PDB file of N, CA and C in Angstrom:
ATOM      1  N   MET A   1     -32.849   8.562  24.617  1.00  0.00           N
ATOM      2  CA  MET A   1     -33.331   7.533  23.718  1.00  0.00           C
ATOM      3  C   MET A   1     -32.153   6.975  22.928  1.00  0.00           C
ATOM      4  N   ILE A   2     -32.098   5.687  22.786  1.00  0.00           N
ATOM      5  CA  ILE A   2     -31.016   5.023  22.077  1.00  0.00           C
ATOM      6  C   ILE A   2     -31.499   4.601  20.698  1.00  0.00           C
ATOM      7  N   PHE A   3     -30.713   4.932  19.693  1.00  0.00           N
ATOM      8  CA  PHE A   3     -31.022   4.512  18.337  1.00  0.00           C
ATOM      9  C   PHE A   3     -29.984   3.493  17.903  1.00  0.00           C
ATOM     10  N   ILE A   4     -30.436   2.392  17.409  1.00  0.00           N
ATOM     11  CA  ILE A   4     -29.518   1.364  16.921  1.00  0.00           C
ATOM     12  C   ILE A   4     -29.369   1.566  15.418  1.00  0.00           C
ATOM     13  N   SER A   5     -28.145   1.935  15.026  1.00  0.00           N
ATOM     14  CA  SER A   5     -27.919   2.269  13.622  1.00  0.00           C
ATOM     15  C   SER A   5     -27.851   1.024  12.742  1.00  0.00           C
ATOM     16  N   GLU A   6     -27.547  -0.081  13.344  1.00  0.00           N
ATOM     17  CA  GLU A   6     -27.399  -1.316  12.575  1.00  0.00           C
ATOM     18  C   GLU A   6     -28.162  -2.420  13.314  1.00  0.00           C
ATOM     19  N   ILE A   7     -28.999  -3.135  12.609  1.00  0.00           N
ATOM     20  CA  ILE A   7     -29.700  -4.252  13.211  1.00  0.00           C
ATOM     21  C   ILE A   7     -28.738  -5.436  13.246  1.00  0.00           C
ATOM     22  N   VAL A   8     -28.530  -5.956  14.442  1.00  0.00           N
ATOM     23  CA  VAL A   8     -27.630  -7.094  14.607  1.00  0.00           C
ATOM     24  C   VAL A   8     -28.490  -8.350  14.706  1.00  0.00           C
ATOM     25  N   SER A   9     -28.208  -9.312  13.870  1.00  0.00           N
ATOM     26  CA  SER A   9     -29.031 -10.519  13.823  1.00  0.00           C
ATOM     27  C   SER A   9     -28.864 -11.345  15.093  1.00  0.00           C
ATOM     28  N   GLU A  10     -29.888 -12.081  15.429  1.00  0.00           N
ATOM     29  CA  GLU A  10     -29.840 -12.975  16.590  1.00  0.00           C
ATOM     30  C   GLU A  10     -28.742 -14.024  16.419  1.00  0.00           C
ATOM     31  N   GLU A  11     -28.537 -14.461  15.200  1.00  0.00           N
ATOM     32  CA  GLU A  11     -27.500 -15.454  14.913  1.00  0.00           C
ATOM     33  C   GLU A  11     -26.111 -14.884  15.210  1.00  0.00           C
ATOM     34  N   LYS A  12     -25.877 -13.647  14.804  1.00  0.00           N
ATOM     35  CA  LYS A  12     -24.586 -13.014  15.065  1.00  0.00           C
ATOM     36  C   LYS A  12     -24.383 -12.847  16.573  1.00  0.00           C
ATOM     37  N   ILE A  13     -25.400 -12.446  17.281  1.00  0.00           N
ATOM     38  CA  ILE A  13     -25.307 -12.290  18.738  1.00  0.00           C
ATOM     39  C   ILE A  13     -25.039 -13.643  19.387  1.00  0.00           C
ATOM     40  N   ARG A  14     -25.720 -14.678  18.928  1.00  0.00           N
ATOM     41  CA  ARG A  14     -25.507 -16.023  19.473  1.00  0.00           C
ATOM     42  C   ARG A  14     -24.054 -16.460  19.297  1.00  0.00           C
ATOM     43  N   ARG A  15     -23.488 -16.225  18.112  1.00  0.00           N
ATOM     44  CA  ARG A  15     -22.087 -16.600  17.849  1.00  0.00           C
ATOM     45  C   ARG A  15     -21.129 -15.817  18.745  1.00  0.00           C
ATOM     46  N   GLU A  16     -21.394 -14.543  18.934  1.00  0.00           N
ATOM     47  CA  GLU A  16     -20.526 -13.720  19.778  1.00  0.00           C
ATOM     48  C   GLU A  16     -20.629 -14.132  21.247  1.00  0.00           C
ATOM     49  N   LYS A  17     -21.817 -14.515  21.692  1.00  0.00           N
ATOM     50  CA  LYS A  17     -21.972 -14.987  23.074  1.00  0.00           C
ATOM     51  C   LYS A  17     -21.196 -16.283  23.287  1.00  0.00           C
ATOM     52  N   GLU A  18     -21.189 -17.138  22.280  1.00  0.00           N
ATOM     53  CA  GLU A  18     -20.422 -18.381  22.373  1.00  0.00           C
ATOM     54  C   GLU A  18     -18.926 -18.078  22.459  1.00  0.00           C
ATOM     55  N   LYS A  19     -18.458 -17.123  21.683  1.00  0.00           N
ATOM     56  CA  LYS A  19     -17.050 -16.716  21.770  1.00  0.00           C
ATOM     57  C   LYS A  19     -16.740 -16.199  23.172  1.00  0.00           C
ATOM     58  N   ALA A  20     -17.655 -15.424  23.750  1.00  0.00           N
ATOM     59  CA  ALA A  20     -17.454 -14.885  25.102  1.00  0.00           C
ATOM     60  C   ALA A  20     -17.391 -16.010  26.127  1.00  0.00           C
ATOM     61  N   ARG A  21     -18.235 -17.020  25.979  1.00  0.00           N
ATOM     62  CA  ARG A  21     -18.191 -18.166  26.899  1.00  0.00           C
ATOM     63  C   ARG A  21     -16.838 -18.871  26.830  1.00  0.00           C
ATOM     64  N   ARG A  22     -16.300 -18.987  25.623  1.00  0.00           N
ATOM     65  CA  ARG A  22     -14.977 -19.603  25.479  1.00  0.00           C
ATOM     66  C   ARG A  22     -13.898 -18.734  26.128  1.00  0.00           C
ATOM     67  N   LEU A  23     -13.967 -17.424  25.923  1.00  0.00           N
ATOM     68  CA  LEU A  23     -12.988 -16.523  26.538  1.00  0.00           C
ATOM     69  C   LEU A  23     -13.041 -16.575  28.062  1.00  0.00           C
ATOM     70  N   ARG A  24     -14.230 -16.786  28.607  1.00  0.00           N
ATOM     71  CA  ARG A  24     -14.399 -16.837  30.060  1.00  0.00           C
ATOM     72  C   ARG A  24     -13.618 -17.990  30.683  1.00  0.00           C
ATOM     73  N   ARG A  25     -13.327 -18.994  29.888  1.00  0.00           N
ATOM     74  CA  ARG A  25     -12.598 -20.172  30.394  1.00  0.00           C
ATOM     75  C   ARG A  25     -11.088 -20.076  30.174  1.00  0.00           C
ATOM     76  N   THR A  26     -10.588 -18.911  29.763  1.00  0.00           N
ATOM     77  CA  THR A  26      -9.169 -18.779  29.457  1.00  0.00           C
ATOM     78  C   THR A  26      -8.386 -18.166  30.613  1.00  0.00           C
ATOM     79  N   GLN A  27      -7.090 -18.344  30.567  1.00  0.00           N
ATOM     80  CA  GLN A  27      -6.202 -17.713  31.551  1.00  0.00           C
ATOM     81  C   GLN A  27      -6.273 -16.194  31.437  1.00  0.00           C
ATOM     82  N   TRP A  28      -6.467 -15.692  30.227  1.00  0.00           N
ATOM     83  CA  TRP A  28      -6.598 -14.245  30.020  1.00  0.00           C
ATOM     84  C   TRP A  28      -7.705 -13.681  30.906  1.00  0.00           C
ATOM     85  N   TRP A  29      -8.885 -14.324  30.901  1.00  0.00           N
ATOM     86  CA  TRP A  29     -10.003 -13.832  31.706  1.00  0.00           C
ATOM     87  C   TRP A  29      -9.706 -13.975  33.194  1.00  0.00           C
ATOM     88  N   LEU A  30      -9.117 -15.083  33.594  1.00  0.00           N
ATOM     89  CA  LEU A  30      -8.760 -15.265  35.005  1.00  0.00           C
ATOM     90  C   LEU A  30      -7.809 -14.166  35.468  1.00  0.00           C
ATOM     91  N   ASN A  31      -6.890 -13.758  34.609  1.00  0.00           N
ATOM     92  CA  ASN A  31      -5.992 -12.652  34.941  1.00  0.00           C
ATOM     93  C   ASN A  31      -6.751 -11.331  35.051  1.00  0.00           C
ATOM     94  N   LYS A  32      -7.737 -11.122  34.172  1.00  0.00           N
ATOM     95  CA  LYS A  32      -8.525  -9.884  34.182  1.00  0.00           C
ATOM     96  C   LYS A  32      -9.311  -9.726  35.482  1.00  0.00           C
ATOM     97  N   ILE A  33      -9.811 -10.814  36.027  1.00  0.00           N
ATOM     98  CA  ILE A  33     -10.653 -10.726  37.223  1.00  0.00           C
ATOM     99  C   ILE A  33      -9.882 -10.947  38.520  1.00  0.00           C
ATOM    100  N   GLN A  34      -8.597 -11.220  38.408  1.00  0.00           N
ATOM    101  CA  GLN A  34      -7.784 -11.575  39.572  1.00  0.00           C
ATOM    102  C   GLN A  34      -7.914 -10.569  40.711  1.00  0.00           C
ATOM    103  N   LYS A  35      -7.871  -9.276  40.417  1.00  0.00           N
ATOM    104  CA  LYS A  35      -7.930  -8.253  41.469  1.00  0.00           C
ATOM    105  C   LYS A  35      -9.343  -8.059  42.014  1.00  0.00           C
ATOM    106  N   GLY A  36     -10.350  -8.535  41.300  1.00  0.00           N
ATOM    107  CA  GLY A  36     -11.729  -8.410  41.768  1.00  0.00           C
ATOM    108  C   GLY A  36     -12.275  -7.000  41.697  1.00  0.00           C
ATOM    109  N   VAL A  37     -11.754  -6.192  40.758  1.00  0.00           N
ATOM    110  CA  VAL A  37     -12.123  -4.780  40.664  1.00  0.00           C
ATOM    111  C   VAL A  37     -12.959  -4.528  39.407  1.00  0.00           C
ATOM    112  N   CYS A  38     -14.041  -3.774  39.571  1.00  0.00           N
ATOM    113  CA  CYS A  38     -14.909  -3.408  38.449  1.00  0.00           C
ATOM    114  C   CYS A  38     -14.220  -2.374  37.560  1.00  0.00           C
ATOM    115  N   TYR A  39     -14.266  -2.600  36.283  1.00  0.00           N
ATOM    116  CA  TYR A  39     -13.674  -1.696  35.296  1.00  0.00           C
ATOM    117  C   TYR A  39     -14.325  -0.316  35.347  1.00  0.00           C
ATOM    118  N   TYR A  40     -15.622  -0.263  35.609  1.00  0.00           N
ATOM    119  CA  TYR A  40     -16.361   0.991  35.526  1.00  0.00           C
ATOM    120  C   TYR A  40     -16.325   1.822  36.809  1.00  0.00           C
ATOM    121  N   CYS A  41     -16.543   1.208  37.947  1.00  0.00           N
ATOM    122  CA  CYS A  41     -16.647   1.979  39.199  1.00  0.00           C
ATOM    123  C   CYS A  41     -15.427   1.844  40.090  1.00  0.00           C
ATOM    124  N   ASP A  42     -14.494   0.985  39.718  1.00  0.00           N
ATOM    125  CA  ASP A  42     -13.254   0.756  40.479  1.00  0.00           C
ATOM    126  C   ASP A  42     -13.475   0.186  41.882  1.00  0.00           C
ATOM    127  N   ARG A  43     -14.681  -0.304  42.152  1.00  0.00           N
ATOM    128  CA  ARG A  43     -14.922  -0.927  43.456  1.00  0.00           C
ATOM    129  C   ARG A  43     -14.319  -2.326  43.464  1.00  0.00           C
ATOM    130  N   GLU A  44     -13.782  -2.702  44.595  1.00  0.00           N
ATOM    131  CA  GLU A  44     -13.286  -4.058  44.771  1.00  0.00           C
ATOM    132  C   GLU A  44     -14.453  -4.899  45.276  1.00  0.00           C
ATOM    133  N   VAL A  45     -14.944  -5.788  44.422  1.00  0.00           N
ATOM    134  CA  VAL A  45     -16.120  -6.595  44.756  1.00  0.00           C
ATOM    135  C   VAL A  45     -15.779  -8.079  44.893  1.00  0.00           C
ATOM    136  N   GLY A  46     -14.561  -8.444  44.537  1.00  0.00           N
ATOM    137  CA  GLY A  46     -14.175  -9.854  44.552  1.00  0.00           C
ATOM    138  C   GLY A  46     -14.427 -10.480  43.200  1.00  0.00           C
ATOM    139  N   ARG A  47     -13.527 -11.341  42.812  1.00  0.00           N
ATOM    140  CA  ARG A  47     -13.613 -11.916  41.460  1.00  0.00           C
ATOM    141  C   ARG A  47     -14.884 -12.712  41.224  1.00  0.00           C
ATOM    142  N   GLU A  48     -15.433 -13.318  42.279  1.00  0.00           N
ATOM    143  CA  GLU A  48     -16.649 -14.118  42.109  1.00  0.00           C
ATOM    144  C   GLU A  48     -17.879 -13.254  41.844  1.00  0.00           C
ATOM    145  N   HIS A  49     -17.760 -11.938  42.075  1.00  0.00           N
ATOM    146  CA  HIS A  49     -18.890 -11.037  41.853  1.00  0.00           C
ATOM    147  C   HIS A  49     -18.739 -10.194  40.587  1.00  0.00           C
ATOM    148  N   LEU A  50     -17.742 -10.527  39.772  1.00  0.00           N
ATOM    149  CA  LEU A  50     -17.552  -9.802  38.519  1.00  0.00           C
ATOM    150  C   LEU A  50     -18.234 -10.544  37.366  1.00  0.00           C
ATOM    151  N   THR A  51     -18.764  -9.768  36.454  1.00  0.00           N
ATOM    152  CA  THR A  51     -19.370 -10.315  35.245  1.00  0.00           C
ATOM    153  C   THR A  51     -18.541  -9.860  34.051  1.00  0.00           C
ATOM    154  N   MET A  52     -18.749 -10.511  32.942  1.00  0.00           N
ATOM    155  CA  MET A  52     -18.067 -10.145  31.710  1.00  0.00           C
ATOM    156  C   MET A  52     -18.950  -9.148  30.976  1.00  0.00           C
ATOM    157  N   ASP A  53     -18.407  -7.965  30.694  1.00  0.00           N
ATOM    158  CA  ASP A  53     -19.180  -6.951  29.987  1.00  0.00           C
ATOM    159  C   ASP A  53     -18.512  -6.609  28.664  1.00  0.00           C
ATOM    160  N   HIS A  54     -19.324  -6.435  27.642  1.00  0.00           N
ATOM    161  CA  HIS A  54     -18.848  -5.970  26.344  1.00  0.00           C
ATOM    162  C   HIS A  54     -18.930  -4.445  26.371  1.00  0.00           C
ATOM    163  N   VAL A  55     -17.800  -3.760  26.235  1.00  0.00           N
ATOM    164  CA  VAL A  55     -17.779  -2.300  26.259  1.00  0.00           C
ATOM    165  C   VAL A  55     -18.714  -1.765  25.180  1.00  0.00           C
ATOM    166  N   VAL A  56     -18.555  -2.244  23.961  1.00  0.00           N
ATOM    167  CA  VAL A  56     -19.534  -1.985  22.903  1.00  0.00           C
ATOM    168  C   VAL A  56     -20.431  -3.214  22.898  1.00  0.00           C
ATOM    169  N   PRO A  57     -21.687  -3.067  23.318  1.00  0.00           N
ATOM    170  CA  PRO A  57     -22.574  -4.220  23.451  1.00  0.00           C
ATOM    171  C   PRO A  57     -22.770  -4.987  22.142  1.00  0.00           C
ATOM    172  N   LEU A  58     -23.013  -6.281  22.280  1.00  0.00           N
ATOM    173  CA  LEU A  58     -23.245  -7.121  21.107  1.00  0.00           C
ATOM    174  C   LEU A  58     -24.403  -6.599  20.270  1.00  0.00           C
ATOM    175  N   ALA A  59     -25.455  -6.165  20.927  1.00  0.00           N
ATOM    176  CA  ALA A  59     -26.631  -5.673  20.216  1.00  0.00           C
ATOM    177  C   ALA A  59     -26.348  -4.386  19.443  1.00  0.00           C
ATOM    178  N   ARG A  60     -25.231  -3.725  19.772  1.00  0.00           N
ATOM    179  CA  ARG A  60     -24.854  -2.488  19.088  1.00  0.00           C
ATOM    180  C   ARG A  60     -23.688  -2.720  18.131  1.00  0.00           C
ATOM    181  N   GLY A  61     -23.400  -4.003  17.840  1.00  0.00           N
ATOM    182  CA  GLY A  61     -22.362  -4.337  16.875  1.00  0.00           C
ATOM    183  C   GLY A  61     -21.018  -4.697  17.483  1.00  0.00           C
ATOM    184  N   GLY A  62     -20.932  -4.786  18.816  1.00  0.00           N
ATOM    185  CA  GLY A  62     -19.683  -5.145  19.475  1.00  0.00           C
ATOM    186  C   GLY A  62     -19.308  -6.596  19.232  1.00  0.00           C
ATOM    187  N   LYS A  63     -18.058  -6.900  19.472  1.00  0.00           N
ATOM    188  CA  LYS A  63     -17.533  -8.250  19.258  1.00  0.00           C
ATOM    189  C   LYS A  63     -17.036  -8.822  20.583  1.00  0.00           C
ATOM    190  N   SER A  64     -16.948 -10.139  20.638  1.00  0.00           N
ATOM    191  CA  SER A  64     -16.382 -10.827  21.800  1.00  0.00           C
ATOM    192  C   SER A  64     -14.888 -10.996  21.576  1.00  0.00           C
ATOM    193  N   LYS A  65     -14.179  -9.875  21.698  1.00  0.00           N
ATOM    194  CA  LYS A  65     -12.727  -9.846  21.545  1.00  0.00           C
ATOM    195  C   LYS A  65     -12.135  -9.265  22.815  1.00  0.00           C
ATOM    196  N   LYS A  66     -10.897  -9.607  23.072  1.00  0.00           N
ATOM    197  CA  LYS A  66     -10.242  -9.167  24.305  1.00  0.00           C
ATOM    198  C   LYS A  66     -10.291  -7.655  24.487  1.00  0.00           C
ATOM    199  N   GLY A  67     -10.177  -6.887  23.444  1.00  0.00           N
ATOM    200  CA  GLY A  67     -10.208  -5.428  23.556  1.00  0.00           C
ATOM    201  C   GLY A  67     -11.576  -4.846  23.842  1.00  0.00           C
ATOM    202  N   ASN A  68     -12.612  -5.660  23.771  1.00  0.00           N
ATOM    203  CA  ASN A  68     -13.975  -5.180  23.984  1.00  0.00           C
ATOM    204  C   ASN A  68     -14.627  -5.787  25.222  1.00  0.00           C
ATOM    205  N   ILE A  69     -13.887  -6.583  25.973  1.00  0.00           N
ATOM    206  CA  ILE A  69     -14.467  -7.260  27.138  1.00  0.00           C
ATOM    207  C   ILE A  69     -13.739  -6.817  28.402  1.00  0.00           C
ATOM    208  N   VAL A  70     -14.528  -6.445  29.404  1.00  0.00           N
ATOM    209  CA  VAL A  70     -13.965  -6.003  30.682  1.00  0.00           C
ATOM    210  C   VAL A  70     -14.740  -6.642  31.826  1.00  0.00           C
ATOM    211  N   PRO A  71     -14.101  -6.756  33.001  1.00  0.00           N
ATOM    212  CA  PRO A  71     -14.821  -7.241  34.175  1.00  0.00           C
ATOM    213  C   PRO A  71     -15.641  -6.097  34.782  1.00  0.00           C
ATOM    214  N   ALA A  72     -16.892  -6.371  35.096  1.00  0.00           N
ATOM    215  CA  ALA A  72     -17.773  -5.350  35.672  1.00  0.00           C
ATOM    216  C   ALA A  72     -18.564  -5.950  36.819  1.00  0.00           C
ATOM    217  N   CYS A  73     -18.809  -5.121  37.836  1.00  0.00           N
ATOM    218  CA  CYS A  73     -19.682  -5.584  38.912  1.00  0.00           C
ATOM    219  C   CYS A  73     -21.099  -5.693  38.346  1.00  0.00           C
ATOM    220  N   LYS A  74     -21.926  -6.453  39.008  1.00  0.00           N
ATOM    221  CA  LYS A  74     -23.282  -6.672  38.512  1.00  0.00           C
ATOM    222  C   LYS A  74     -24.074  -5.372  38.450  1.00  0.00           C
ATOM    223  N   ASP A  75     -23.857  -4.474  39.423  1.00  0.00           N
ATOM    224  CA  ASP A  75     -24.568  -3.188  39.414  1.00  0.00           C
ATOM    225  C   ASP A  75     -24.251  -2.394  38.150  1.00  0.00           C
ATOM    226  N   CYS A  76     -22.966  -2.225  37.866  1.00  0.00           N
ATOM    227  CA  CYS A  76     -22.577  -1.455  36.674  1.00  0.00           C
ATOM    228  C   CYS A  76     -23.044  -2.146  35.395  1.00  0.00           C
ATOM    229  N   ASN A  77     -22.880  -3.454  35.320  1.00  0.00           N
ATOM    230  CA  ASN A  77     -23.280  -4.177  34.117  1.00  0.00           C
ATOM    231  C   ASN A  77     -24.782  -4.034  33.875  1.00  0.00           C
ATOM    232  N   ASN A  78     -25.572  -4.129  34.927  1.00  0.00           N
ATOM    233  CA  ASN A  78     -27.030  -3.991  34.779  1.00  0.00           C
ATOM    234  C   ASN A  78     -27.429  -2.567  34.398  1.00  0.00           C
ATOM    235  N   LYS A  79     -26.741  -1.583  34.935  1.00  0.00           N
ATOM    236  CA  LYS A  79     -27.071  -0.187  34.620  1.00  0.00           C
ATOM    237  C   LYS A  79     -26.611   0.184  33.215  1.00  0.00           C
ATOM    238  N   LYS A  80     -25.471  -0.333  32.796  1.00  0.00           N
ATOM    239  CA  LYS A  80     -24.921   0.020  31.482  1.00  0.00           C
ATOM    240  C   LYS A  80     -25.748  -0.580  30.347  1.00  0.00           C
ATOM    241  N   LYS A  81     -26.204  -1.774  30.508  1.00  0.00           N
ATOM    242  CA  LYS A  81     -27.010  -2.486  29.512  1.00  0.00           C
ATOM    243  C   LYS A  81     -26.449  -2.352  28.108  1.00  0.00           C
ATOM    244  N   TYR A  82     -27.163  -1.639  27.234  1.00  0.00           N
ATOM    245  CA  TYR A  82     -26.789  -1.543  25.818  1.00  0.00           C
ATOM    246  C   TYR A  82     -26.147  -0.211  25.467  1.00  0.00           C
ATOM    247  N   LEU A  83     -25.674   0.512  26.477  1.00  0.00           N
ATOM    248  CA  LEU A  83     -25.081   1.815  26.206  1.00  0.00           C
ATOM    249  C   LEU A  83     -23.687   1.689  25.600  1.00  0.00           C
ATOM    250  N   LEU A  84     -23.388   2.596  24.675  1.00  0.00           N
ATOM    251  CA  LEU A  84     -22.042   2.713  24.138  1.00  0.00           C
ATOM    252  C   LEU A  84     -21.200   3.482  25.146  1.00  0.00           C
ATOM    253  N   PRO A  85     -19.863   3.403  25.061  1.00  0.00           N
ATOM    254  CA  PRO A  85     -19.019   4.101  26.033  1.00  0.00           C
ATOM    255  C   PRO A  85     -19.353   5.588  26.187  1.00  0.00           C
ATOM    256  N   VAL A  86     -19.583   6.293  25.101  1.00  0.00           N
ATOM    257  CA  VAL A  86     -19.901   7.719  25.200  1.00  0.00           C
ATOM    258  C   VAL A  86     -21.246   7.933  25.910  1.00  0.00           C
ATOM    259  N   GLU A  87     -22.208   7.060  25.676  1.00  0.00           N
ATOM    260  CA  GLU A  87     -23.508   7.169  26.345  1.00  0.00           C
ATOM    261  C   GLU A  87     -23.376   6.861  27.834  1.00  0.00           C
ATOM    262  N   TRP A  88     -22.532   5.889  28.172  1.00  0.00           N
ATOM    263  CA  TRP A  88     -22.299   5.531  29.575  1.00  0.00           C
ATOM    264  C   TRP A  88     -21.669   6.714  30.313  1.00  0.00           C
ATOM    265  N   LYS A  89     -20.682   7.374  29.676  1.00  0.00           N
ATOM    266  CA  LYS A  89     -20.046   8.538  30.297  1.00  0.00           C
ATOM    267  C   LYS A  89     -21.063   9.647  30.536  1.00  0.00           C
ATOM    268  N   GLU A  90     -21.943   9.869  29.588  1.00  0.00           N
ATOM    269  CA  GLU A  90     -22.990  10.882  29.752  1.00  0.00           C
ATOM    270  C   GLU A  90     -23.922  10.515  30.903  1.00  0.00           C
ATOM    271  N   TYR A  91     -24.255   9.255  31.010  1.00  0.00           N
ATOM    272  CA  TYR A  91     -25.098   8.777  32.114  1.00  0.00           C
ATOM    273  C   TYR A  91     -24.415   9.057  33.449  1.00  0.00           C
ATOM    274  N   LEU A  92     -23.130   8.715  33.561  1.00  0.00           N
ATOM    275  CA  LEU A  92     -22.400   8.947  34.810  1.00  0.00           C
ATOM    276  C   LEU A  92     -22.314  10.439  35.126  1.00  0.00           C
ATOM    277  N   LYS A  93     -22.112  11.263  34.096  1.00  0.00           N
ATOM    278  CA  LYS A  93     -22.071  12.716  34.297  1.00  0.00           C
ATOM    279  C   LYS A  93     -23.405  13.223  34.824  1.00  0.00           C
ATOM    280  N   SER A  94     -24.490  12.669  34.293  1.00  0.00           N
ATOM    281  CA  SER A  94     -25.812  13.116  34.736  1.00  0.00           C
ATOM    282  C   SER A  94     -26.051  12.757  36.194  1.00  0.00           C
ATOM    283  N   LEU A  95     -25.487  11.651  36.650  1.00  0.00           N
ATOM    284  CA  LEU A  95     -25.631  11.272  38.060  1.00  0.00           C
ATOM    285  C   LEU A  95     -24.891  12.247  38.966  1.00  0.00           C
ATOM    286  N   SER A  96     -23.697  12.649  38.560  1.00  0.00           N
ATOM    287  CA  SER A  96     -22.914  13.551  39.403  1.00  0.00           C
ATOM    288  C   SER A  96     -23.477  14.968  39.375  1.00  0.00           C
ATOM    289  N   ALA A  97     -24.278  15.314  38.356  1.00  0.00           N
ATOM    290  CA  ALA A  97     -24.864  16.641  38.266  1.00  0.00           C
ATOM    291  C   ALA A  97     -26.121  16.793  39.119  1.00  0.00           C
ATOM    292  N   LYS A  98     -26.714  15.664  39.533  1.00  0.00           N
ATOM    293  CA  LYS A  98     -27.924  15.723  40.346  1.00  0.00           C
ATOM    294  C   LYS A  98     -27.584  16.175  41.759  1.00  0.00           C
ATOM    295  N   PRO A  99     -28.415  17.026  42.349  1.00  0.00           N
ATOM    296  CA  PRO A  99     -28.144  17.467  43.722  1.00  0.00           C
ATOM    297  C   PRO A  99     -28.265  16.299  44.707  1.00  0.00           C
ATOM    298  N   GLN A 100     -27.355  16.263  45.660  1.00  0.00           N
ATOM    299  CA  GLN A 100     -27.354  15.222  46.681  1.00  0.00           C
ATOM    300  C   GLN A 100     -28.321  15.596  47.797  1.00  0.00           C
ATOM    301  N   ILE A 101     -29.178  14.673  48.182  1.00  0.00           N
ATOM    302  CA  ILE A 101     -30.113  14.879  49.288  1.00  0.00           C
ATOM    303  C   ILE A 101     -29.578  14.142  50.497  1.00  0.00           C
ATOM    304  N   HIS A 102     -29.442  14.857  51.596  1.00  0.00           N
ATOM    305  CA  HIS A 102     -28.903  14.225  52.824  1.00  0.00           C
ATOM    306  C   HIS A 102     -29.979  14.076  53.841  1.00  0.00           C
TER     307      HIS A 102
END
């Protein structure tokens, strides 16, 4: 269960999303996606299949700053959703702890 310690206003989220849209049009972002590799799973998916992910999600108080934005494949971005980095690591650990069925 995820608890949000701080309520983030819709207005603040809207402003941060606008900042992210502006960053997406920069050379910095083009350089980040150049290799086409997901930050989380290290799969090479191609730059056209990468999305912009906030490591600390906007809804959890994250900002649209270069240090908080990474390229992620759609699978990882959809699975991570609003998780903080420590929660994401726990999620990944739980996947590797499950027995593999062949």
